[in-house]
């Protein structure tokens, strides 16, 4: 075999060097791609929905010492009704109403007001909590007044239709304690004796008093 020239050897060595460099570049590039993988979409954790607690508007509790306006044919009108005169004493009969006559030891009396129109014409009356008063007595001893610890009294003018009878929508509950303006927490009040003790409930509204009291018995 004829001996190849030095130039041929140089070309072969150059080719081999170039091939090695190319292989190194390919291998290095492959390793970088395998590590970085720039084309791969990075998986992300779905965002957690922010949970906002549901909010509710508490119902405004009816104070235990007041009751809403009577329901029936009485039409609320805060500004009064033009052309309709205010009720007078002879126009309205007020009565105390209880949900029972006798109460077991674990039962609390529920007290209401009943209004009866004795007039032949409509008249207006303030039946707001500011004019309502419930009183519980035993003999000559006053045990409880709803006004002793009354909260946020307000006015409400209504039209009482002629010849109709209306009653308070929600009763006032007597907690069977002795009320006082100085002790509005029932825990610090004296308990009303039971065992068959007799009490009388009277009411007043709009400046008019009940014609008689309603007797109840506490067991």
N, C-alpha and C. Protein backbone atom coordinates (compact mmCIF):
# COMPACT_ATOMS: atom_id res chain seq x y z
N UNK A 1 0.87 -1.20 0.00
CA UNK A 1 0.00 0.00 0.00
C UNK A 1 0.89 1.23 0.00
N UNK A 2 0.59 2.15 -0.87
CA UNK A 2 1.44 3.35 -0.91
C UNK A 2 1.24 4.17 0.35
N UNK A 3 2.30 4.73 0.81
CA UNK A 3 2.27 5.55 2.04
C UNK A 3 1.58 6.87 1.73
N UNK A 4 0.60 7.18 2.68
CA UNK A 4 -0.15 8.43 2.50
C UNK A 4 0.70 9.60 2.92
N UNK A 5 0.39 10.72 2.29
CA UNK A 5 1.19 11.91 2.56
C UNK A 5 0.82 12.53 3.90
N UNK A 6 1.72 13.43 4.36
CA UNK A 6 1.48 14.10 5.66
C UNK A 6 0.23 14.95 5.60
N UNK A 7 -0.11 15.49 4.46
CA UNK A 7 -1.30 16.33 4.34
C UNK A 7 -2.56 15.53 4.62
N UNK A 8 -2.58 14.29 4.14
CA UNK A 8 -3.75 13.44 4.37
C UNK A 8 -3.93 13.18 5.85
N UNK A 9 -2.82 12.88 6.55
CA UNK A 9 -2.87 12.65 7.99
C UNK A 9 -3.40 13.88 8.74
N UNK A 10 -2.94 15.03 8.29
CA UNK A 10 -3.40 16.25 8.95
C UNK A 10 -4.90 16.43 8.78
N UNK A 11 -5.41 16.16 7.54
CA UNK A 11 -6.84 16.31 7.31
C UNK A 11 -7.63 15.33 8.18
N UNK A 12 -7.13 14.09 8.28
CA UNK A 12 -7.83 13.10 9.10
C UNK A 12 -7.86 13.52 10.58
N UNK A 13 -6.72 14.03 11.06
CA UNK A 13 -6.66 14.44 12.47
C UNK A 13 -7.62 15.62 12.72
N UNK A 14 -7.65 16.53 11.74
CA UNK A 14 -8.56 17.67 11.88
C UNK A 14 -10.02 17.19 11.91
N UNK A 15 -10.30 16.23 11.02
CA UNK A 15 -11.66 15.68 10.96
C UNK A 15 -12.04 15.01 12.28
N UNK A 16 -11.11 14.24 12.82
CA UNK A 16 -11.36 13.54 14.09
C UNK A 16 -11.59 14.54 15.22
N UNK A 17 -10.76 15.59 15.24
CA UNK A 17 -10.91 16.61 16.29
C UNK A 17 -12.27 17.29 16.19
N UNK A 18 -12.63 17.63 14.94
CA UNK A 18 -13.93 18.28 14.73
C UNK A 18 -15.06 17.37 15.18
N UNK A 19 -14.94 16.06 14.83
CA UNK A 19 -15.96 15.09 15.20
C UNK A 19 -16.09 15.00 16.71
N UNK A 20 -14.93 14.98 17.40
CA UNK A 20 -14.95 14.89 18.86
C UNK A 20 -15.63 16.12 19.47
N UNK A 21 -15.28 17.30 18.91
CA UNK A 21 -15.87 18.54 19.43
C UNK A 21 -17.38 18.53 19.25
N UNK A 22 -17.83 18.07 18.05
CA UNK A 22 -19.26 17.99 17.77
C UNK A 22 -19.96 17.05 18.73
N UNK A 23 -19.32 15.87 18.96
CA UNK A 23 -19.93 14.89 19.87
C UNK A 23 -20.04 15.45 21.30
N UNK A 24 -18.96 16.13 21.70
CA UNK A 24 -18.99 16.72 23.05
C UNK A 24 -20.10 17.76 23.17
N UNK A 25 -20.24 18.56 22.10
CA UNK A 25 -21.27 19.60 22.12
C UNK A 25 -22.67 19.00 22.17
N UNK A 26 -22.86 17.93 21.37
CA UNK A 26 -24.16 17.27 21.33
C UNK A 26 -24.49 16.66 22.68
N UNK A 27 -23.47 15.96 23.27
CA UNK A 27 -23.70 15.31 24.56
C UNK A 27 -23.99 16.35 25.64
N UNK A 28 -23.19 17.45 25.63
CA UNK A 28 -23.39 18.48 26.64
C UNK A 28 -24.75 19.14 26.49
N UNK A 29 -25.12 19.40 25.23
CA UNK A 29 -26.41 20.02 24.98
C UNK A 29 -27.55 19.13 25.41
N UNK A 30 -27.39 17.82 25.16
CA UNK A 30 -28.44 16.89 25.55
C UNK A 30 -28.61 16.84 27.05
N UNK A 31 -27.47 16.88 27.76
CA UNK A 31 -27.56 16.87 29.22
C UNK A 31 -28.27 18.11 29.72
N UNK A 32 -27.96 19.29 29.17
CA UNK A 32 -28.60 20.55 29.60
C UNK A 32 -30.10 20.53 29.33
N UNK A 33 -30.45 20.01 28.12
CA UNK A 33 -31.87 19.93 27.79
C UNK A 33 -32.60 18.99 28.71
N UNK A 34 -31.95 17.89 29.05
CA UNK A 34 -32.58 16.91 29.92
C UNK A 34 -32.82 17.49 31.30
N UNK A 35 -31.91 18.39 31.72
CA UNK A 35 -32.06 18.97 33.05
C UNK A 35 -33.03 20.14 33.05
N UNK A 36 -32.86 21.07 32.14
CA UNK A 36 -33.65 22.29 32.15
C UNK A 36 -35.02 22.10 31.54
N UNK A 37 -35.13 21.36 30.46
CA UNK A 37 -36.37 21.14 29.75
C UNK A 37 -37.18 22.43 29.60
N UNK A 38 -36.66 23.43 28.93
CA UNK A 38 -37.31 24.73 28.84
C UNK A 38 -38.64 24.70 28.07
N UNK A 39 -38.88 23.71 27.30
CA UNK A 39 -40.12 23.64 26.54
C UNK A 39 -41.28 23.03 27.31
N UNK A 40 -40.96 22.42 28.45
CA UNK A 40 -41.99 21.73 29.21
C UNK A 40 -42.75 22.74 30.05
N UNK A 41 -44.08 22.66 29.95
CA UNK A 41 -44.91 23.56 30.75
C UNK A 41 -44.87 23.11 32.19
N UNK A 42 -44.49 24.04 33.04
CA UNK A 42 -44.41 23.70 34.45
C UNK A 42 -45.79 23.54 35.02
N UNK A 43 -46.03 22.41 35.66
CA UNK A 43 -47.34 22.18 36.25
C UNK A 43 -47.50 23.08 37.46
N UNK A 44 -48.64 23.71 37.52
CA UNK A 44 -48.91 24.59 38.65
C UNK A 44 -50.08 24.05 39.45
N UNK A 45 -50.04 24.29 40.75
CA UNK A 45 -51.12 23.84 41.61
C UNK A 45 -52.31 24.76 41.43
N UNK A 46 -53.49 24.19 41.13
CA UNK A 46 -54.67 25.05 40.94
C UNK A 46 -54.87 25.93 42.16
N UNK A 47 -55.21 27.19 41.94
CA UNK A 47 -55.42 28.08 43.08
C UNK A 47 -56.56 27.60 43.96
N UNK A 48 -56.38 27.74 45.26
CA UNK A 48 -57.41 27.34 46.20
C UNK A 48 -58.42 28.46 46.30
N UNK A 49 -59.67 28.11 46.12
CA UNK A 49 -60.71 29.14 46.17
C UNK A 49 -60.78 29.72 47.57
N UNK A 50 -60.84 31.02 47.62
CA UNK A 50 -60.94 31.68 48.91
C UNK A 50 -62.37 31.57 49.41
N UNK A 51 -62.52 30.95 50.57
CA UNK A 51 -63.85 30.75 51.13
C UNK A 51 -64.18 31.87 52.09
N UNK A 52 -65.15 32.64 51.73
CA UNK A 52 -65.58 33.74 52.59
C UNK A 52 -66.75 33.27 53.42
N UNK A 53 -66.63 33.29 54.74
CA UNK A 53 -67.74 32.82 55.57
C UNK A 53 -69.01 33.58 55.26
N UNK A 54 -70.11 32.84 55.18
CA UNK A 54 -71.38 33.49 54.92
C UNK A 54 -71.76 34.35 56.10
N UNK A 55 -72.18 35.54 55.80
CA UNK A 55 -72.57 36.45 56.87
C UNK A 55 -74.07 36.57 56.92
N UNK A 56 -74.62 36.61 58.13
CA UNK A 56 -76.05 36.76 58.30
C UNK A 56 -76.33 37.94 59.20
N UNK A 57 -77.36 38.57 58.92
CA UNK A 57 -77.76 39.70 59.74
C UNK A 57 -78.70 39.20 60.82
N UNK A 58 -78.16 39.30 62.01
CA UNK A 58 -79.01 38.84 63.06
C UNK A 58 -80.28 39.62 63.19
N UNK A 59 -81.27 38.86 63.41
CA UNK A 59 -82.50 39.53 63.62
C UNK A 59 -82.47 40.33 64.87
N UNK A 60 -83.02 41.51 64.75
CA UNK A 60 -83.00 42.35 65.92
C UNK A 60 -83.94 41.75 66.96
N UNK A 61 -83.44 41.33 68.13
CA UNK A 61 -84.30 40.70 69.12
C UNK A 61 -85.28 41.70 69.70
N UNK A 62 -86.53 41.25 69.97
CA UNK A 62 -87.51 42.09 70.61
C UNK A 62 -87.16 42.18 72.07
N UNK A 63 -86.89 43.36 72.60
CA UNK A 63 -86.53 43.48 74.01
C UNK A 63 -87.58 42.82 74.88
N UNK A 64 -87.17 42.15 75.93
CA UNK A 64 -88.09 41.42 76.80
C UNK A 64 -89.03 42.37 77.54
N UNK A 65 -88.74 43.64 77.51
CA UNK A 65 -89.56 44.59 78.25
C UNK A 65 -90.45 45.42 77.34
N UNK A 66 -90.49 45.11 76.06
CA UNK A 66 -91.35 45.85 75.15
C UNK A 66 -92.05 44.89 74.22
N UNK A 67 -93.11 45.34 73.58
CA UNK A 67 -93.79 44.53 72.58
C UNK A 67 -94.09 45.40 71.39
N UNK A 68 -94.18 44.78 70.19
CA UNK A 68 -94.47 45.57 69.00
C UNK A 68 -95.90 46.09 69.00
N UNK A 69 -96.19 46.90 68.01
CA UNK A 69 -97.53 47.48 67.92
C UNK A 69 -98.57 46.39 67.75
N UNK A 70 -99.78 46.61 68.25
CA UNK A 70 -100.84 45.63 68.07
C UNK A 70 -101.11 45.38 66.60
N UNK A 71 -101.56 44.17 66.30
CA UNK A 71 -101.90 43.82 64.93
C UNK A 71 -103.41 43.70 64.80
N UNK A 72 -103.89 43.89 63.61
CA UNK A 72 -105.32 43.82 63.36
C UNK A 72 -105.69 44.92 62.40
N UNK A 73 -106.64 45.75 62.79
CA UNK A 73 -107.06 46.84 61.92
C UNK A 73 -106.39 48.15 62.27
N UNK A 74 -105.31 48.08 63.01
CA UNK A 74 -104.56 49.30 63.32
C UNK A 74 -103.52 49.51 62.24
N UNK A 75 -103.59 50.65 61.55
CA UNK A 75 -102.69 50.93 60.45
C UNK A 75 -101.57 51.84 60.91
N UNK A 76 -100.28 51.36 60.90
CA UNK A 76 -99.18 52.22 61.34
C UNK A 76 -99.04 53.44 60.44
N UNK A 77 -98.85 54.57 61.05
CA UNK A 77 -98.63 55.82 60.31
C UNK A 77 -97.82 56.73 61.22
N UNK A 78 -96.46 56.70 61.11
CA UNK A 78 -95.61 57.47 62.01
C UNK A 78 -95.93 58.95 62.05
N UNK A 79 -96.47 59.50 60.99
CA UNK A 79 -96.74 60.94 60.94
C UNK A 79 -98.18 61.28 61.30
N UNK A 80 -98.95 60.24 61.64
CA UNK A 80 -100.36 60.50 61.91
C UNK A 80 -101.15 60.51 60.62
N UNK A 81 -102.47 60.44 60.75
CA UNK A 81 -103.33 60.45 59.56
C UNK A 81 -104.11 61.75 59.50
N UNK A 82 -103.88 62.56 58.45
CA UNK A 82 -104.59 63.83 58.32
C UNK A 82 -106.10 63.62 58.33
N UNK A 83 -106.81 64.43 59.09
CA UNK A 83 -108.25 64.35 59.11
C UNK A 83 -108.81 63.37 60.12
N UNK A 84 -107.94 62.57 60.76
CA UNK A 84 -108.38 61.62 61.78
C UNK A 84 -107.88 62.11 63.13
N UNK A 85 -108.78 62.25 64.07
CA UNK A 85 -108.43 62.81 65.37
C UNK A 85 -107.79 61.75 66.26
N UNK A 86 -107.10 62.20 67.30
CA UNK A 86 -106.48 61.29 68.26
C UNK A 86 -107.55 60.62 69.11
N UNK A 87 -107.29 59.37 69.50
CA UNK A 87 -108.25 58.65 70.34
C UNK A 87 -108.32 59.30 71.72
N UNK A 88 -109.52 59.28 72.29
CA UNK A 88 -109.72 59.76 73.65
C UNK A 88 -110.05 58.59 74.56
N UNK A 89 -110.09 58.86 75.86
CA UNK A 89 -110.29 57.79 76.84
C UNK A 89 -111.53 56.96 76.56
N UNK A 90 -112.60 57.60 76.18
CA UNK A 90 -113.86 56.87 75.94
C UNK A 90 -113.86 56.11 74.63
N UNK A 91 -112.84 56.35 73.80
CA UNK A 91 -112.80 55.69 72.48
C UNK A 91 -112.17 54.31 72.53
N UNK A 92 -111.35 54.05 73.54
CA UNK A 92 -110.53 52.83 73.55
C UNK A 92 -110.67 52.09 74.88
N UNK A 93 -110.80 50.79 74.77
CA UNK A 93 -110.78 49.93 75.96
C UNK A 93 -109.52 49.09 75.92
N UNK A 94 -108.74 49.17 76.98
CA UNK A 94 -107.46 48.46 77.05
C UNK A 94 -107.60 47.29 78.02
N UNK A 95 -107.05 46.13 77.63
CA UNK A 95 -107.12 44.95 78.49
C UNK A 95 -105.79 44.20 78.49
N UNK A 96 -105.43 43.64 79.64
CA UNK A 96 -104.25 42.79 79.75
C UNK A 96 -104.66 41.37 79.37
N UNK A 97 -103.79 40.71 78.61
CA UNK A 97 -104.07 39.35 78.15
C UNK A 97 -102.87 38.47 78.51
N UNK A 98 -103.13 37.27 79.03
CA UNK A 98 -102.06 36.31 79.33
C UNK A 98 -102.34 35.02 78.57
N UNK A 99 -101.26 34.26 78.32
CA UNK A 99 -101.44 33.03 77.54
C UNK A 99 -101.98 31.87 78.37
N UNK A 100 -102.09 32.05 79.67
CA UNK A 100 -102.65 31.02 80.56
C UNK A 100 -103.11 31.69 81.84
N UNK A 101 -103.82 30.93 82.65
CA UNK A 101 -104.25 31.44 83.96
C UNK A 101 -103.39 30.88 85.08
N UNK A 102 -102.87 29.67 84.86
CA UNK A 102 -102.02 29.01 85.86
C UNK A 102 -100.74 28.55 85.18
N UNK A 103 -99.60 28.75 85.87
CA UNK A 103 -98.29 28.42 85.29
C UNK A 103 -97.53 27.45 86.19
N UNK A 104 -97.07 26.37 85.58
CA UNK A 104 -96.22 25.43 86.30
C UNK A 104 -94.91 26.12 86.68
N UNK A 105 -94.14 25.46 87.55
CA UNK A 105 -92.92 26.09 88.07
C UNK A 105 -91.91 26.42 86.99
N UNK A 106 -91.94 25.68 85.87
CA UNK A 106 -90.96 25.90 84.80
C UNK A 106 -91.51 26.72 83.64
N UNK A 107 -92.66 27.33 83.80
CA UNK A 107 -93.29 28.11 82.73
C UNK A 107 -93.26 29.59 83.07
N UNK A 108 -93.03 30.41 82.05
CA UNK A 108 -92.99 31.86 82.22
C UNK A 108 -94.24 32.49 81.60
N UNK A 109 -94.90 33.38 82.30
CA UNK A 109 -96.10 34.04 81.77
C UNK A 109 -95.78 34.92 80.57
N UNK A 110 -96.63 34.83 79.55
CA UNK A 110 -96.51 35.67 78.36
C UNK A 110 -97.66 36.68 78.38
N UNK A 111 -97.29 37.95 78.32
CA UNK A 111 -98.25 39.03 78.52
C UNK A 111 -98.48 39.81 77.23
N UNK A 112 -99.72 40.17 76.97
CA UNK A 112 -100.07 40.91 75.76
C UNK A 112 -101.07 42.02 76.09
N UNK A 113 -101.32 42.86 75.09
CA UNK A 113 -102.28 43.97 75.21
C UNK A 113 -103.36 43.81 74.16
N UNK A 114 -104.60 44.05 74.57
CA UNK A 114 -105.72 44.04 73.62
C UNK A 114 -106.39 45.41 73.64
N UNK A 115 -106.60 45.95 72.44
CA UNK A 115 -107.28 47.25 72.30
C UNK A 115 -108.61 47.04 71.59
N UNK A 116 -109.65 47.64 72.13
CA UNK A 116 -110.97 47.58 71.50
C UNK A 116 -111.48 48.99 71.27
N UNK A 117 -111.82 49.28 70.02
CA UNK A 117 -112.37 50.60 69.69
C UNK A 117 -113.85 50.63 70.05
N UNK A 118 -114.21 51.62 70.85
CA UNK A 118 -115.62 51.80 71.21
C UNK A 118 -116.22 53.01 70.50
N UNK A 119 -115.45 53.54 69.55
CA UNK A 119 -115.88 54.73 68.82
C UNK A 119 -116.54 54.35 67.50
N UNK A 120 -117.34 55.27 67.00
CA UNK A 120 -118.00 55.06 65.70
C UNK A 120 -117.16 55.62 64.56
N UNK A 121 -116.02 56.24 64.91
CA UNK A 121 -115.13 56.78 63.90
C UNK A 121 -113.70 56.33 64.18
N UNK A 122 -112.86 56.35 63.14
CA UNK A 122 -111.46 55.99 63.32
C UNK A 122 -110.76 57.04 64.17
N UNK A 123 -109.70 56.61 64.86
CA UNK A 123 -108.90 57.56 65.64
C UNK A 123 -107.46 57.08 65.68
N UNK A 124 -106.54 57.97 65.98
CA UNK A 124 -105.12 57.62 66.01
C UNK A 124 -104.64 57.45 67.45
N UNK A 125 -103.60 56.58 67.58
CA UNK A 125 -103.10 56.25 68.90
C UNK A 125 -101.62 55.90 68.81
N UNK A 126 -100.83 56.37 69.77
CA UNK A 126 -99.42 56.00 69.84
C UNK A 126 -99.30 54.67 70.58
N UNK A 127 -98.96 53.62 69.84
CA UNK A 127 -98.85 52.30 70.46
C UNK A 127 -97.39 51.83 70.52
N UNK A 128 -96.46 52.76 70.35
CA UNK A 128 -95.04 52.40 70.40
C UNK A 128 -94.64 51.91 71.77
N UNK A 129 -93.45 51.29 71.84
CA UNK A 129 -92.96 50.74 73.10
C UNK A 129 -92.75 51.82 74.15
N UNK A 130 -92.62 53.07 73.70
CA UNK A 130 -92.43 54.16 74.65
C UNK A 130 -93.68 54.43 75.47
N UNK A 131 -94.83 53.96 74.99
CA UNK A 131 -96.09 54.21 75.71
C UNK A 131 -96.63 52.96 76.38
N UNK A 132 -95.93 51.83 76.24
CA UNK A 132 -96.41 50.57 76.79
C UNK A 132 -95.83 50.31 78.18
N UNK A 133 -96.68 49.80 79.06
CA UNK A 133 -96.22 49.46 80.41
C UNK A 133 -97.01 48.26 80.93
N UNK A 134 -96.27 47.23 81.32
CA UNK A 134 -96.86 46.05 81.95
C UNK A 134 -96.47 46.07 83.43
N UNK A 135 -97.43 45.79 84.29
CA UNK A 135 -97.16 45.79 85.73
C UNK A 135 -97.72 44.51 86.34
N UNK A 136 -96.90 43.84 87.15
CA UNK A 136 -97.31 42.63 87.86
C UNK A 136 -97.29 42.93 89.35
N UNK A 137 -98.42 42.69 89.99
CA UNK A 137 -98.53 42.96 91.42
C UNK A 137 -99.02 41.72 92.16
N UNK A 138 -98.76 41.72 93.45
CA UNK A 138 -99.31 40.70 94.34
C UNK A 138 -99.83 41.43 95.56
N UNK A 139 -101.13 41.54 95.66
CA UNK A 139 -101.71 42.39 96.70
C UNK A 139 -101.33 43.83 96.40
N UNK A 140 -100.75 44.50 97.40
CA UNK A 140 -100.30 45.87 97.19
C UNK A 140 -98.83 45.95 96.82
N UNK A 141 -98.19 44.80 96.61
CA UNK A 141 -96.75 44.74 96.31
C UNK A 141 -96.52 44.70 94.80
N UNK A 142 -95.80 45.67 94.29
CA UNK A 142 -95.46 45.68 92.86
C UNK A 142 -94.23 44.80 92.66
N UNK A 143 -94.40 43.73 91.89
CA UNK A 143 -93.31 42.79 91.66
C UNK A 143 -92.50 43.11 90.41
N UNK A 144 -93.15 43.57 89.37
CA UNK A 144 -92.43 43.72 88.10
C UNK A 144 -93.05 44.81 87.26
N UNK A 145 -92.20 45.65 86.67
CA UNK A 145 -92.62 46.65 85.69
C UNK A 145 -91.78 46.48 84.43
N UNK A 146 -92.42 46.48 83.30
CA UNK A 146 -91.69 46.30 82.04
C UNK A 146 -90.79 47.49 81.73
N UNK A 147 -91.10 48.64 82.31
CA UNK A 147 -90.34 49.85 82.02
C UNK A 147 -89.07 49.99 82.87
N UNK A 148 -88.90 49.12 83.86
CA UNK A 148 -87.73 49.25 84.74
C UNK A 148 -86.42 49.08 83.98
N UNK A 149 -86.39 48.18 83.02
CA UNK A 149 -85.16 47.94 82.25
C UNK A 149 -85.47 47.95 80.76
N UNK A 150 -86.34 48.84 80.35
CA UNK A 150 -86.75 48.92 78.95
C UNK A 150 -85.59 49.37 78.07
N UNK A 151 -85.48 48.76 76.89
CA UNK A 151 -84.39 49.07 75.96
C UNK A 151 -84.93 49.74 74.70
N UNK A 152 -84.36 50.89 74.36
CA UNK A 152 -84.66 51.60 73.11
C UNK A 152 -86.15 51.79 72.86
N UNK A 153 -86.86 52.46 73.73
CA UNK A 153 -88.29 52.70 73.48
C UNK A 153 -88.49 53.59 72.25
N UNK A 154 -89.58 53.36 71.55
CA UNK A 154 -89.86 54.13 70.34
C UNK A 154 -91.35 54.42 70.22
N UNK A 155 -91.69 55.37 69.35
CA UNK A 155 -93.08 55.74 69.13
C UNK A 155 -93.60 55.10 67.83
N UNK A 156 -94.90 54.86 67.80
CA UNK A 156 -95.55 54.42 66.56
C UNK A 156 -97.01 54.84 66.60
N UNK A 157 -97.38 55.73 65.70
CA UNK A 157 -98.75 56.20 65.63
C UNK A 157 -99.53 55.30 64.66
N UNK A 158 -100.67 54.79 65.11
CA UNK A 158 -101.50 53.95 64.25
C UNK A 158 -102.92 54.49 64.22
N UNK A 159 -103.64 54.08 63.20
CA UNK A 159 -105.05 54.42 63.11
C UNK A 159 -105.86 53.22 63.58
N UNK A 160 -106.62 53.42 64.62
CA UNK A 160 -107.47 52.36 65.16
C UNK A 160 -108.85 52.47 64.49
N UNK A 161 -109.18 51.45 63.72
CA UNK A 161 -110.45 51.49 62.99
C UNK A 161 -111.64 51.40 63.95
N UNK A 162 -112.67 52.09 63.62
CA UNK A 162 -113.87 52.12 64.47
C UNK A 162 -114.45 50.72 64.66
N UNK A 163 -114.76 50.38 65.92
CA UNK A 163 -115.43 49.12 66.23
C UNK A 163 -114.58 47.87 66.12
N UNK A 164 -113.28 48.00 66.02
CA UNK A 164 -112.41 46.83 65.86
C UNK A 164 -111.65 46.52 67.16
N UNK A 165 -111.11 45.29 67.21
CA UNK A 165 -110.28 44.86 68.34
C UNK A 165 -108.95 44.36 67.79
N UNK A 166 -107.86 44.82 68.37
CA UNK A 166 -106.52 44.41 67.94
C UNK A 166 -105.71 43.97 69.16
N UNK A 167 -104.70 43.14 68.92
CA UNK A 167 -103.84 42.65 70.00
C UNK A 167 -102.39 42.77 69.62
N UNK A 168 -101.50 42.87 70.61
CA UNK A 168 -100.07 42.94 70.33
C UNK A 168 -99.61 41.65 69.68
N UNK A 169 -98.72 41.78 68.70
CA UNK A 169 -98.31 40.64 67.89
C UNK A 169 -97.41 39.66 68.64
N UNK A 170 -96.48 40.19 69.42
CA UNK A 170 -95.53 39.35 70.14
C UNK A 170 -95.63 39.63 71.63
N UNK A 171 -95.86 38.60 72.45
CA UNK A 171 -96.04 38.84 73.88
C UNK A 171 -94.73 39.21 74.57
N UNK A 172 -94.87 39.89 75.71
CA UNK A 172 -93.76 40.18 76.59
C UNK A 172 -93.71 39.09 77.65
N UNK A 173 -92.51 38.60 77.93
CA UNK A 173 -92.36 37.49 78.88
C UNK A 173 -91.92 38.01 80.23
N UNK A 174 -92.65 37.65 81.27
CA UNK A 174 -92.24 37.97 82.64
C UNK A 174 -91.36 36.82 83.14
N UNK A 175 -90.17 37.14 83.58
CA UNK A 175 -89.22 36.11 84.00
C UNK A 175 -89.43 35.64 85.44
N UNK A 176 -90.54 36.03 86.04
CA UNK A 176 -90.91 35.62 87.41
C UNK A 176 -89.90 36.11 88.44
N UNK A 177 -89.41 37.34 88.23
CA UNK A 177 -88.51 37.94 89.20
C UNK A 177 -89.05 39.32 89.59
N UNK A 178 -88.47 39.89 90.65
CA UNK A 178 -88.82 41.24 91.05
C UNK A 178 -87.93 42.21 90.28
N UNK A 179 -88.54 43.10 89.50
CA UNK A 179 -87.75 44.01 88.68
C UNK A 179 -87.29 45.22 89.48
N UNK A 180 -86.24 45.85 88.98
CA UNK A 180 -85.70 47.06 89.57
C UNK A 180 -84.83 47.75 88.54
N UNK A 181 -84.82 49.06 88.56
CA UNK A 181 -83.97 49.80 87.62
C UNK A 181 -82.50 49.59 87.96
N UNK A 182 -82.23 49.10 89.17
CA UNK A 182 -80.84 48.89 89.59
C UNK A 182 -80.35 47.48 89.33
N UNK A 183 -81.25 46.55 89.07
CA UNK A 183 -80.85 45.15 88.81
C UNK A 183 -81.57 44.65 87.57
N UNK A 184 -80.96 44.86 86.41
CA UNK A 184 -81.57 44.40 85.16
C UNK A 184 -81.14 42.99 84.80
N UNK A 185 -80.21 42.44 85.55
CA UNK A 185 -79.79 41.05 85.34
C UNK A 185 -80.62 40.16 86.25
N UNK A 186 -81.41 39.28 85.65
CA UNK A 186 -82.32 38.46 86.44
C UNK A 186 -81.60 37.58 87.46
N UNK A 187 -80.30 37.32 87.25
CA UNK A 187 -79.55 36.50 88.19
C UNK A 187 -79.46 37.15 89.56
N UNK A 188 -79.59 38.47 89.60
CA UNK A 188 -79.47 39.20 90.85
C UNK A 188 -80.83 39.63 91.40
N UNK A 189 -81.89 39.09 90.84
CA UNK A 189 -83.23 39.46 91.27
C UNK A 189 -83.85 38.37 92.13
N UNK A 190 -84.76 38.80 93.00
CA UNK A 190 -85.50 37.85 93.83
C UNK A 190 -86.54 37.14 92.98
N UNK A 191 -86.68 35.84 93.18
CA UNK A 191 -87.67 35.07 92.44
C UNK A 191 -89.04 35.22 93.06
N UNK A 192 -90.05 35.32 92.20
CA UNK A 192 -91.43 35.42 92.70
C UNK A 192 -91.87 34.09 93.29
N UNK A 193 -92.43 34.09 94.47
CA UNK A 193 -92.88 32.83 95.08
C UNK A 193 -93.95 32.16 94.23
N UNK A 194 -93.91 30.84 94.19
CA UNK A 194 -94.92 30.06 93.49
C UNK A 194 -95.80 29.34 94.50
N UNK A 195 -96.01 28.07 94.25
CA UNK A 195 -96.81 27.29 95.18
C UNK A 195 -98.26 27.70 95.25
N UNK A 196 -98.78 28.27 94.18
CA UNK A 196 -100.18 28.69 94.16
C UNK A 196 -100.36 30.17 94.46
N UNK A 197 -99.25 30.94 94.46
CA UNK A 197 -99.35 32.37 94.73
C UNK A 197 -100.08 33.09 93.60
N UNK A 198 -100.88 34.09 93.98
CA UNK A 198 -101.69 34.83 93.01
C UNK A 198 -101.04 36.16 92.68
N UNK A 199 -101.06 36.50 91.37
CA UNK A 199 -100.52 37.77 90.89
C UNK A 199 -101.53 38.39 89.92
N UNK A 200 -101.42 39.70 89.74
CA UNK A 200 -102.31 40.39 88.82
C UNK A 200 -101.49 41.19 87.81
N UNK A 201 -101.91 41.11 86.55
CA UNK A 201 -101.23 41.81 85.46
C UNK A 201 -102.12 42.94 84.97
N UNK A 202 -101.57 44.14 84.93
CA UNK A 202 -102.28 45.28 84.36
C UNK A 202 -101.39 45.92 83.31
N UNK A 203 -101.99 46.63 82.36
CA UNK A 203 -101.23 47.22 81.25
C UNK A 203 -101.68 48.65 81.02
N UNK A 204 -100.81 49.37 80.32
CA UNK A 204 -101.12 50.73 79.90
C UNK A 204 -100.49 50.95 78.54
N UNK A 205 -101.18 51.66 77.65
CA UNK A 205 -100.64 51.94 76.32
C UNK A 205 -101.26 53.23 75.79
N UNK A 206 -100.44 54.05 75.19
CA UNK A 206 -100.92 55.30 74.62
C UNK A 206 -101.51 56.25 75.64
N UNK A 207 -101.15 56.06 76.91
CA UNK A 207 -101.71 56.91 77.96
C UNK A 207 -103.00 56.38 78.54
N UNK A 208 -103.47 55.22 78.06
CA UNK A 208 -104.71 54.63 78.55
C UNK A 208 -104.41 53.37 79.35
N UNK A 209 -105.04 53.25 80.53
CA UNK A 209 -104.81 52.09 81.39
C UNK A 209 -105.85 51.01 81.13
N UNK A 210 -105.48 49.77 81.45
CA UNK A 210 -106.45 48.68 81.34
C UNK A 210 -107.56 48.88 82.37
N UNK A 211 -108.76 48.50 81.99
CA UNK A 211 -109.92 48.73 82.86
C UNK A 211 -109.88 47.82 84.07
N UNK A 212 -109.19 46.68 83.95
CA UNK A 212 -109.05 45.75 85.07
C UNK A 212 -107.77 44.96 84.89
N UNK A 213 -107.37 44.22 85.91
CA UNK A 213 -106.17 43.40 85.83
C UNK A 213 -106.54 41.95 85.52
N UNK A 214 -105.54 41.22 85.04
CA UNK A 214 -105.72 39.80 84.72
C UNK A 214 -104.99 38.99 85.78
N UNK A 215 -105.70 38.10 86.44
CA UNK A 215 -105.11 37.29 87.52
C UNK A 215 -104.40 36.07 86.93
N UNK A 216 -103.24 35.74 87.49
CA UNK A 216 -102.53 34.52 87.15
C UNK A 216 -102.05 33.84 88.43
N UNK A 217 -101.89 32.53 88.35
CA UNK A 217 -101.41 31.74 89.48
C UNK A 217 -100.09 31.09 89.13
N UNK A 218 -99.11 31.24 90.01
CA UNK A 218 -97.82 30.60 89.82
C UNK A 218 -97.69 29.38 90.72
N UNK A 219 -97.41 28.24 90.10
CA UNK A 219 -97.22 27.00 90.86
C UNK A 219 -95.76 26.84 91.29
